[in-house]
Amino acid sequence: MEGDDVTLLCKTKTTPSILSAAFYKDGSLIRAESTGHMTIHHVTRSDEGLYKCNIISHGESPSSWITVTEKPTTTAPPTSMSPPTITTEATPPPPSSLHLVLRLVCHLVVFCPYFISTLLMVSLCRHRPTGSELSVSMVMAPLSPAGQGLDDEYYNINVFTTEHHF
């Protein structure tokens, strides 16, 4: 954890005595220690990395990754002088009557034109003639006989109306 001390120990399996060792981080030499161990005081995130050691005439150790975790934050208990504090999530205040009235008016302004236009459309559709009731009238008048050399006073005009149902 952050702030803790970490000690790295470098020893061989065959030699029980303490030997001088060189310590490396990410391939770069940190320092050589005659005691065979190295302590990193008050570790931080910058101390994370790949560590290894080398003992002359015995060889190099396998690399080991060191991870530094964040120390959890702790809160101090309240003293007797200060009253305890209660932390709550922010809750919206209850709606006021003015707010409710404005909301109702807004809904009415939106709903009323829609409702009125719907009623008009339904009314127009109900009173529209259906296909079987449609009729077309055509009035046909005969040509004036004046162009045919007949006398106008003897001409009798007949008007014909033809109705077609579809």
N, C-alpha and C. Protein backbone atom coordinates (compact mmCIF):
# COMPACT_ATOMS: atom_id res chain seq x y z
N MET A 1 0.85 -1.19 0.00
CA MET A 1 0.00 0.00 0.00
C MET A 1 0.89 1.25 0.00
N GLU A 2 0.33 2.33 -0.53
CA GLU A 2 1.06 3.59 -0.53
C GLU A 2 1.45 3.95 0.90
N GLY A 3 2.69 4.42 1.02
CA GLY A 3 3.18 4.85 2.34
C GLY A 3 3.88 3.76 3.13
N ASP A 4 3.69 2.51 2.75
CA ASP A 4 4.34 1.40 3.46
C ASP A 4 5.79 1.25 3.00
N ASP A 5 6.57 0.50 3.77
CA ASP A 5 7.94 0.15 3.40
C ASP A 5 7.93 -1.23 2.76
N VAL A 6 8.74 -1.39 1.69
CA VAL A 6 8.84 -2.68 1.00
C VAL A 6 10.31 -3.10 1.02
N THR A 7 10.56 -4.35 1.44
CA THR A 7 11.92 -4.88 1.47
C THR A 7 12.06 -5.99 0.45
N LEU A 8 13.07 -5.86 -0.42
CA LEU A 8 13.38 -6.88 -1.41
C LEU A 8 14.58 -7.66 -0.90
N LEU A 9 14.48 -9.00 -0.95
CA LEU A 9 15.56 -9.88 -0.45
C LEU A 9 16.10 -10.68 -1.62
N CYS A 10 17.40 -10.71 -1.76
CA CYS A 10 18.05 -11.45 -2.84
C CYS A 10 18.99 -12.46 -2.22
N LYS A 11 18.71 -13.78 -2.44
CA LYS A 11 19.58 -14.83 -1.89
C LYS A 11 19.60 -16.00 -2.86
N THR A 12 20.58 -16.86 -2.67
CA THR A 12 20.68 -18.05 -3.51
C THR A 12 20.16 -19.24 -2.75
N LYS A 13 19.81 -20.29 -3.47
CA LYS A 13 19.32 -21.51 -2.83
C LYS A 13 20.49 -22.35 -2.29
N THR A 14 21.62 -22.19 -2.91
CA THR A 14 22.76 -23.04 -2.55
C THR A 14 23.63 -22.43 -1.45
N THR A 15 23.70 -21.10 -1.36
CA THR A 15 24.56 -20.47 -0.38
C THR A 15 23.70 -19.81 0.69
N PRO A 16 23.75 -20.30 1.93
CA PRO A 16 22.91 -19.72 2.98
C PRO A 16 23.41 -18.37 3.48
N SER A 17 24.64 -18.02 3.17
CA SER A 17 25.17 -16.77 3.68
C SER A 17 24.63 -15.59 2.87
N ILE A 18 24.72 -14.41 3.48
CA ILE A 18 24.27 -13.18 2.83
C ILE A 18 25.37 -12.75 1.87
N LEU A 19 24.92 -12.46 0.61
CA LEU A 19 25.85 -12.04 -0.42
C LEU A 19 25.46 -10.65 -0.91
N SER A 20 26.43 -9.94 -1.45
CA SER A 20 26.18 -8.63 -2.03
C SER A 20 25.36 -8.80 -3.30
N ALA A 21 24.35 -7.90 -3.48
CA ALA A 21 23.46 -8.01 -4.64
C ALA A 21 23.21 -6.63 -5.22
N ALA A 22 23.02 -6.61 -6.52
CA ALA A 22 22.66 -5.38 -7.23
C ALA A 22 21.17 -5.48 -7.57
N PHE A 23 20.42 -4.41 -7.30
CA PHE A 23 18.97 -4.39 -7.53
C PHE A 23 18.65 -3.51 -8.73
N TYR A 24 17.73 -3.99 -9.57
CA TYR A 24 17.33 -3.32 -10.80
C TYR A 24 15.81 -3.10 -10.82
N LYS A 25 15.43 -1.95 -11.36
CA LYS A 25 14.01 -1.67 -11.60
C LYS A 25 13.85 -1.36 -13.07
N ASP A 26 12.98 -2.10 -13.75
CA ASP A 26 12.73 -1.92 -15.18
C ASP A 26 14.02 -1.91 -15.99
N GLY A 27 14.96 -2.76 -15.59
CA GLY A 27 16.22 -2.91 -16.31
C GLY A 27 17.31 -1.93 -15.94
N SER A 28 17.02 -0.93 -15.10
CA SER A 28 18.03 0.06 -14.71
C SER A 28 18.49 -0.22 -13.29
N LEU A 29 19.80 -0.07 -13.08
CA LEU A 29 20.37 -0.31 -11.75
C LEU A 29 19.87 0.74 -10.77
N ILE A 30 19.36 0.25 -9.63
CA ILE A 30 18.95 1.17 -8.56
C ILE A 30 20.15 1.37 -7.64
N ARG A 31 20.61 0.28 -7.05
CA ARG A 31 21.80 0.34 -6.19
C ARG A 31 22.24 -1.08 -5.83
N ALA A 32 23.46 -1.18 -5.32
CA ALA A 32 24.01 -2.46 -4.86
C ALA A 32 24.00 -2.46 -3.34
N GLU A 33 23.61 -3.58 -2.75
CA GLU A 33 23.54 -3.70 -1.29
C GLU A 33 24.39 -4.89 -0.85
N SER A 34 25.24 -4.67 0.12
CA SER A 34 26.10 -5.74 0.63
C SER A 34 25.33 -6.70 1.54
N THR A 35 24.17 -6.30 1.98
CA THR A 35 23.38 -7.12 2.91
C THR A 35 22.46 -8.10 2.19
N GLY A 36 22.29 -7.94 0.86
CA GLY A 36 21.43 -8.85 0.11
C GLY A 36 19.95 -8.44 0.13
N HIS A 37 19.67 -7.33 0.79
CA HIS A 37 18.28 -6.84 0.77
C HIS A 37 18.26 -5.33 0.59
N MET A 38 17.15 -4.86 0.03
CA MET A 38 17.00 -3.43 -0.20
C MET A 38 15.58 -3.04 0.26
N THR A 39 15.49 -1.93 1.01
CA THR A 39 14.20 -1.45 1.51
C THR A 39 13.84 -0.16 0.79
N ILE A 40 12.61 -0.12 0.28
CA ILE A 40 12.07 1.10 -0.31
C ILE A 40 11.11 1.68 0.72
N HIS A 41 11.44 2.86 1.23
CA HIS A 41 10.64 3.49 2.28
C HIS A 41 9.50 4.31 1.66
N HIS A 42 8.35 4.23 2.28
CA HIS A 42 7.16 5.02 1.90
C HIS A 42 6.88 4.93 0.39
N VAL A 43 6.55 3.73 -0.06
CA VAL A 43 6.34 3.52 -1.49
C VAL A 43 5.18 4.37 -2.02
N THR A 44 5.31 4.73 -3.30
CA THR A 44 4.26 5.47 -4.01
C THR A 44 4.01 4.74 -5.33
N ARG A 45 3.05 5.24 -6.09
CA ARG A 45 2.74 4.63 -7.38
C ARG A 45 3.95 4.65 -8.33
N SER A 46 4.83 5.62 -8.15
CA SER A 46 6.00 5.70 -9.03
C SER A 46 6.99 4.56 -8.75
N ASP A 47 6.84 3.86 -7.63
CA ASP A 47 7.72 2.73 -7.32
C ASP A 47 7.25 1.43 -7.97
N GLU A 48 6.09 1.45 -8.62
CA GLU A 48 5.63 0.25 -9.31
C GLU A 48 6.58 -0.08 -10.44
N GLY A 49 6.76 -1.36 -10.69
CA GLY A 49 7.62 -1.74 -11.81
C GLY A 49 8.10 -3.17 -11.69
N LEU A 50 9.02 -3.53 -12.60
CA LEU A 50 9.58 -4.87 -12.69
C LEU A 50 10.95 -4.86 -12.01
N TYR A 51 11.09 -5.61 -10.91
CA TYR A 51 12.32 -5.64 -10.12
C TYR A 51 13.02 -6.99 -10.28
N LYS A 52 14.37 -6.93 -10.22
CA LYS A 52 15.19 -8.15 -10.20
C LYS A 52 16.51 -7.84 -9.50
N CYS A 53 17.22 -8.89 -9.12
CA CYS A 53 18.54 -8.68 -8.48
C CYS A 53 19.57 -9.57 -9.16
N ASN A 54 20.82 -9.21 -8.94
CA ASN A 54 21.92 -9.97 -9.53
C ASN A 54 22.99 -10.14 -8.48
N ILE A 55 23.36 -11.40 -8.25
CA ILE A 55 24.47 -11.71 -7.34
C ILE A 55 25.64 -12.16 -8.22
N ILE A 56 26.75 -11.46 -8.08
CA ILE A 56 27.93 -11.76 -8.90
C ILE A 56 28.35 -13.20 -8.61
N SER A 57 28.68 -13.91 -9.64
CA SER A 57 29.11 -15.31 -9.66
C SER A 57 27.96 -16.29 -9.43
N HIS A 58 26.74 -15.79 -9.24
CA HIS A 58 25.59 -16.71 -9.09
C HIS A 58 24.50 -16.44 -10.14
N GLY A 59 24.45 -15.23 -10.65
CA GLY A 59 23.49 -14.95 -11.71
C GLY A 59 22.37 -13.99 -11.29
N GLU A 60 21.43 -13.90 -12.19
CA GLU A 60 20.33 -12.95 -12.05
C GLU A 60 19.04 -13.67 -11.64
N SER A 61 18.25 -13.02 -10.82
CA SER A 61 16.97 -13.59 -10.40
C SER A 61 15.91 -13.38 -11.48
N PRO A 62 14.82 -14.14 -11.43
CA PRO A 62 13.70 -13.82 -12.31
C PRO A 62 13.10 -12.47 -11.89
N SER A 63 12.49 -11.78 -12.82
CA SER A 63 11.88 -10.48 -12.52
C SER A 63 10.57 -10.67 -11.77
N SER A 64 10.27 -9.70 -10.90
CA SER A 64 9.01 -9.70 -10.15
C SER A 64 8.37 -8.33 -10.27
N TRP A 65 7.07 -8.32 -10.51
CA TRP A 65 6.34 -7.06 -10.64
C TRP A 65 5.85 -6.61 -9.27
N ILE A 66 6.08 -5.36 -8.94
CA ILE A 66 5.58 -4.79 -7.68
C ILE A 66 4.48 -3.80 -8.03
N THR A 67 3.32 -4.00 -7.40
CA THR A 67 2.18 -3.12 -7.59
C THR A 67 1.93 -2.37 -6.30
N VAL A 68 1.73 -1.08 -6.40
CA VAL A 68 1.45 -0.25 -5.23
C VAL A 68 -0.02 0.17 -5.32
N THR A 69 -0.78 -0.19 -4.28
CA THR A 69 -2.19 0.16 -4.26
C THR A 69 -2.42 1.40 -3.40
N GLU A 70 -3.51 2.08 -3.74
CA GLU A 70 -3.85 3.31 -3.01
C GLU A 70 -4.34 2.95 -1.61
N LYS A 71 -3.88 3.71 -0.65
CA LYS A 71 -4.29 3.47 0.73
C LYS A 71 -5.72 3.97 0.89
N PRO A 72 -6.61 3.15 1.48
CA PRO A 72 -7.99 3.61 1.66
C PRO A 72 -8.06 4.81 2.59
N THR A 73 -8.95 5.71 2.27
CA THR A 73 -9.09 6.90 3.11
C THR A 73 -9.98 6.54 4.29
N THR A 74 -9.57 6.98 5.43
CA THR A 74 -10.36 6.75 6.64
C THR A 74 -10.78 8.09 7.20
N THR A 75 -11.95 8.12 7.78
CA THR A 75 -12.42 9.36 8.39
C THR A 75 -12.25 9.24 9.89
N ALA A 76 -11.86 10.34 10.47
CA ALA A 76 -11.66 10.36 11.91
C ALA A 76 -13.01 10.40 12.60
N PRO A 77 -13.14 9.72 13.74
CA PRO A 77 -14.42 9.77 14.44
C PRO A 77 -14.67 11.19 14.93
N PRO A 78 -15.94 11.59 14.99
CA PRO A 78 -16.24 12.95 15.42
C PRO A 78 -15.88 13.14 16.90
N THR A 79 -15.40 14.32 17.19
CA THR A 79 -15.07 14.63 18.59
C THR A 79 -16.35 15.00 19.32
N SER A 80 -16.25 15.06 20.64
CA SER A 80 -17.44 15.37 21.44
C SER A 80 -17.85 16.83 21.27
N MET A 81 -16.93 17.66 20.74
CA MET A 81 -17.23 19.08 20.58
C MET A 81 -18.14 19.32 19.37
N SER A 82 -17.95 18.55 18.31
CA SER A 82 -18.73 18.80 17.10
C SER A 82 -19.91 17.83 17.02
N PRO A 83 -21.06 18.34 16.63
CA PRO A 83 -22.22 17.45 16.52
C PRO A 83 -22.06 16.52 15.32
N PRO A 84 -22.65 15.35 15.37
CA PRO A 84 -22.53 14.44 14.24
C PRO A 84 -23.22 15.02 13.01
N THR A 85 -22.64 14.74 11.87
CA THR A 85 -23.24 15.23 10.63
C THR A 85 -23.88 14.05 9.91
N ILE A 86 -24.99 14.32 9.29
CA ILE A 86 -25.70 13.29 8.53
C ILE A 86 -25.62 13.69 7.07
N THR A 87 -25.10 12.79 6.27
CA THR A 87 -24.97 13.05 4.85
C THR A 87 -26.09 12.33 4.13
N THR A 88 -26.84 13.08 3.35
CA THR A 88 -27.91 12.47 2.57
C THR A 88 -27.76 12.92 1.13
N GLU A 89 -28.35 12.14 0.25
CA GLU A 89 -28.34 12.52 -1.15
C GLU A 89 -29.34 13.64 -1.35
N ALA A 90 -29.07 14.48 -2.30
CA ALA A 90 -29.96 15.60 -2.57
C ALA A 90 -31.29 15.08 -3.13
N THR A 91 -32.38 15.44 -2.47
CA THR A 91 -33.70 15.06 -2.94
C THR A 91 -34.41 16.33 -3.37
N PRO A 92 -35.17 16.24 -4.43
CA PRO A 92 -35.85 17.45 -4.89
C PRO A 92 -36.94 17.86 -3.91
N PRO A 93 -37.17 19.16 -3.76
CA PRO A 93 -38.22 19.61 -2.86
C PRO A 93 -39.58 19.22 -3.42
N PRO A 94 -40.57 19.09 -2.56
CA PRO A 94 -41.90 18.73 -3.07
C PRO A 94 -42.42 19.84 -3.97
N PRO A 95 -43.15 19.48 -5.02
CA PRO A 95 -43.63 20.51 -5.94
C PRO A 95 -44.63 21.44 -5.26
N SER A 96 -44.52 22.71 -5.57
CA SER A 96 -45.43 23.69 -5.00
C SER A 96 -46.72 23.72 -5.81
N SER A 97 -47.75 24.35 -5.26
CA SER A 97 -49.04 24.40 -5.96
C SER A 97 -48.91 25.23 -7.25
N LEU A 98 -48.09 26.27 -7.24
CA LEU A 98 -47.88 27.06 -8.44
C LEU A 98 -47.25 26.21 -9.54
N HIS A 99 -46.31 25.39 -9.15
CA HIS A 99 -45.65 24.50 -10.10
C HIS A 99 -46.67 23.53 -10.70
N LEU A 100 -47.56 23.00 -9.88
CA LEU A 100 -48.56 22.07 -10.38
C LEU A 100 -49.54 22.76 -11.32
N VAL A 101 -49.93 23.99 -11.01
CA VAL A 101 -50.85 24.74 -11.88
C VAL A 101 -50.19 25.03 -13.22
N LEU A 102 -48.94 25.45 -13.20
CA LEU A 102 -48.22 25.72 -14.45
C LEU A 102 -48.10 24.46 -15.30
N ARG A 103 -47.88 23.36 -14.66
CA ARG A 103 -47.76 22.10 -15.37
C ARG A 103 -49.09 21.71 -16.01
N LEU A 104 -50.20 21.92 -15.30
CA LEU A 104 -51.52 21.63 -15.82
C LEU A 104 -51.83 22.52 -17.03
N VAL A 105 -51.53 23.80 -16.93
CA VAL A 105 -51.77 24.74 -18.04
C VAL A 105 -50.95 24.32 -19.26
N CYS A 106 -49.72 23.95 -19.05
CA CYS A 106 -48.85 23.52 -20.14
C CYS A 106 -49.44 22.30 -20.85
N HIS A 107 -49.92 21.33 -20.07
CA HIS A 107 -50.52 20.14 -20.66
C HIS A 107 -51.80 20.50 -21.44
N LEU A 108 -52.60 21.41 -20.92
CA LEU A 108 -53.81 21.81 -21.62
C LEU A 108 -53.50 22.53 -22.92
N VAL A 109 -52.50 23.38 -22.90
CA VAL A 109 -52.12 24.12 -24.11
C VAL A 109 -51.67 23.15 -25.21
N VAL A 110 -51.03 22.10 -24.83
CA VAL A 110 -50.58 21.12 -25.80
C VAL A 110 -51.73 20.21 -26.22
N PHE A 111 -52.56 19.79 -25.29
CA PHE A 111 -53.60 18.80 -25.56
C PHE A 111 -54.80 19.38 -26.29
N CYS A 112 -55.24 20.58 -25.95
CA CYS A 112 -56.48 21.15 -26.52
C CYS A 112 -56.44 21.28 -28.05
N PRO A 113 -55.43 21.86 -28.66
CA PRO A 113 -55.43 21.93 -30.14
C PRO A 113 -55.48 20.55 -30.78
N TYR A 114 -54.80 19.62 -30.22
CA TYR A 114 -54.82 18.26 -30.74
C TYR A 114 -56.23 17.68 -30.65
N PHE A 115 -56.87 17.83 -29.51
CA PHE A 115 -58.20 17.30 -29.29
C PHE A 115 -59.21 17.96 -30.23
N ILE A 116 -59.17 19.28 -30.37
CA ILE A 116 -60.11 20.00 -31.23
C ILE A 116 -59.92 19.59 -32.69
N SER A 117 -58.68 19.51 -33.15
CA SER A 117 -58.45 19.12 -34.54
C SER A 117 -58.90 17.69 -34.79
N THR A 118 -58.75 16.82 -33.82
CA THR A 118 -59.22 15.44 -33.96
C THR A 118 -60.74 15.41 -34.08
N LEU A 119 -61.44 16.17 -33.25
CA LEU A 119 -62.90 16.22 -33.33
C LEU A 119 -63.36 16.74 -34.68
N LEU A 120 -62.72 17.79 -35.20
CA LEU A 120 -63.09 18.33 -36.51
C LEU A 120 -62.89 17.29 -37.62
N MET A 121 -61.79 16.59 -37.57
CA MET A 121 -61.51 15.57 -38.59
C MET A 121 -62.54 14.44 -38.53
N VAL A 122 -62.90 14.00 -37.34
CA VAL A 122 -63.89 12.95 -37.19
C VAL A 122 -65.24 13.44 -37.71
N SER A 123 -65.61 14.66 -37.37
CA SER A 123 -66.87 15.23 -37.83
C SER A 123 -66.92 15.32 -39.35
N LEU A 124 -65.85 15.79 -39.97
CA LEU A 124 -65.79 15.89 -41.43
C LEU A 124 -65.88 14.51 -42.08
N CYS A 125 -65.23 13.54 -41.51
CA CYS A 125 -65.26 12.19 -42.07
C CYS A 125 -66.64 11.57 -41.95
N ARG A 126 -67.34 11.82 -40.88
CA ARG A 126 -68.67 11.24 -40.67
C ARG A 126 -69.69 11.85 -41.62
N HIS A 127 -69.56 13.12 -41.96
CA HIS A 127 -70.54 13.80 -42.81
C HIS A 127 -70.16 13.78 -44.28
N ARG A 128 -69.08 13.18 -44.61
CA ARG A 128 -68.64 13.08 -46.00
C ARG A 128 -69.51 12.06 -46.72
N PRO A 129 -69.95 12.37 -47.92
CA PRO A 129 -70.77 11.39 -48.64
C PRO A 129 -69.92 10.17 -49.01
N THR A 130 -70.57 9.02 -48.98
CA THR A 130 -69.85 7.79 -49.30
C THR A 130 -69.85 7.61 -50.80
N GLY A 131 -69.16 6.66 -51.31
CA GLY A 131 -69.03 6.41 -52.74
C GLY A 131 -70.34 6.08 -53.43
N SER A 132 -71.28 5.40 -52.75
CA SER A 132 -72.55 5.03 -53.39
C SER A 132 -73.50 6.20 -53.48
N GLU A 133 -73.27 7.27 -52.78
CA GLU A 133 -74.16 8.43 -52.79
C GLU A 133 -73.70 9.53 -53.75
N LEU A 134 -72.53 9.38 -54.32
CA LEU A 134 -72.02 10.41 -55.22
C LEU A 134 -72.79 10.41 -56.53
N SER A 135 -73.13 11.59 -57.03
CA SER A 135 -73.82 11.67 -58.33
C SER A 135 -73.21 12.80 -59.14
N VAL A 136 -73.25 12.62 -60.45
CA VAL A 136 -72.73 13.62 -61.36
C VAL A 136 -73.88 13.98 -62.30
N SER A 137 -74.16 15.25 -62.43
CA SER A 137 -75.22 15.70 -63.33
C SER A 137 -74.61 16.39 -64.53
N MET A 138 -75.24 16.18 -65.68
CA MET A 138 -74.76 16.81 -66.89
C MET A 138 -75.97 17.31 -67.66
N VAL A 139 -75.92 18.58 -68.02
CA VAL A 139 -77.01 19.18 -68.78
C VAL A 139 -76.56 19.31 -70.21
N MET A 140 -77.39 18.80 -71.12
CA MET A 140 -77.04 18.88 -72.54
C MET A 140 -78.13 19.68 -73.25
N ALA A 141 -77.74 20.71 -73.91
CA ALA A 141 -78.69 21.51 -74.69
C ALA A 141 -78.42 21.25 -76.16
N PRO A 142 -79.47 21.15 -76.95
CA PRO A 142 -79.25 20.92 -78.38
C PRO A 142 -78.66 22.16 -79.03
N LEU A 143 -78.03 21.97 -80.11
CA LEU A 143 -77.45 23.09 -80.86
C LEU A 143 -78.55 24.02 -81.35
N SER A 144 -78.23 25.26 -81.41
CA SER A 144 -79.19 26.26 -81.89
C SER A 144 -79.48 26.00 -83.36
N PRO A 145 -80.76 25.93 -83.68
CA PRO A 145 -81.10 25.67 -85.08
C PRO A 145 -80.84 26.86 -85.98
N ALA A 146 -80.46 28.00 -85.40
CA ALA A 146 -80.22 29.19 -86.23
C ALA A 146 -79.12 28.93 -87.22
N GLY A 147 -78.16 28.17 -86.82
CA GLY A 147 -77.05 27.88 -87.71
C GLY A 147 -77.46 26.93 -88.81
N GLN A 148 -78.62 26.28 -88.66
CA GLN A 148 -79.05 25.31 -89.66
C GLN A 148 -80.09 25.92 -90.60
N GLY A 149 -80.35 27.20 -90.48
CA GLY A 149 -81.29 27.87 -91.37
C GLY A 149 -82.73 27.75 -90.92
N LEU A 150 -83.01 27.35 -89.70
CA LEU A 150 -84.37 27.23 -89.20
C LEU A 150 -84.79 28.52 -88.54
N ASP A 151 -86.01 28.74 -88.44
CA ASP A 151 -86.56 29.96 -87.86
C ASP A 151 -86.53 29.86 -86.35
N ASP A 152 -86.06 30.91 -85.64
CA ASP A 152 -85.93 30.88 -84.17
C ASP A 152 -87.27 30.78 -83.46
N GLU A 153 -88.32 31.34 -84.05
CA GLU A 153 -89.59 31.34 -83.33
C GLU A 153 -90.25 29.98 -83.30
N TYR A 154 -89.88 29.11 -84.22
CA TYR A 154 -90.45 27.77 -84.22
C TYR A 154 -89.57 26.75 -83.51
N TYR A 155 -88.51 27.21 -82.99
CA TYR A 155 -87.57 26.28 -82.36
C TYR A 155 -88.02 26.01 -80.93
N ASN A 156 -88.08 24.80 -80.59
CA ASN A 156 -88.47 24.36 -79.26
C ASN A 156 -87.21 23.84 -78.57
N ILE A 157 -86.84 24.42 -77.43
CA ILE A 157 -85.63 24.01 -76.73
C ILE A 157 -86.00 22.98 -75.68
N ASN A 158 -85.37 21.84 -75.74
CA ASN A 158 -85.52 20.79 -74.73
C ASN A 158 -84.20 20.66 -73.98
N VAL A 159 -84.29 20.60 -72.68
CA VAL A 159 -83.09 20.44 -71.84
C VAL A 159 -83.12 19.04 -71.26
N PHE A 160 -82.02 18.35 -71.43
CA PHE A 160 -81.92 16.98 -70.91
C PHE A 160 -80.92 16.96 -69.75
N THR A 161 -81.26 16.28 -68.70
CA THR A 161 -80.36 16.10 -67.56
C THR A 161 -80.10 14.61 -67.41
N THR A 162 -78.84 14.28 -67.39
CA THR A 162 -78.46 12.88 -67.20
C THR A 162 -77.73 12.76 -65.87
N GLU A 163 -78.15 11.82 -65.07
CA GLU A 163 -77.52 11.63 -63.76
C GLU A 163 -76.82 10.29 -63.78
N HIS A 164 -75.60 10.28 -63.31
CA HIS A 164 -74.82 9.02 -63.23
C HIS A 164 -74.48 8.75 -61.76
N HIS A 165 -74.72 7.54 -61.33
CA HIS A 165 -74.36 7.14 -59.96
C HIS A 165 -73.15 6.23 -60.01
N PHE A 166 -72.18 6.50 -59.15
CA PHE A 166 -70.96 5.69 -59.12
C PHE A 166 -70.90 4.90 -57.84
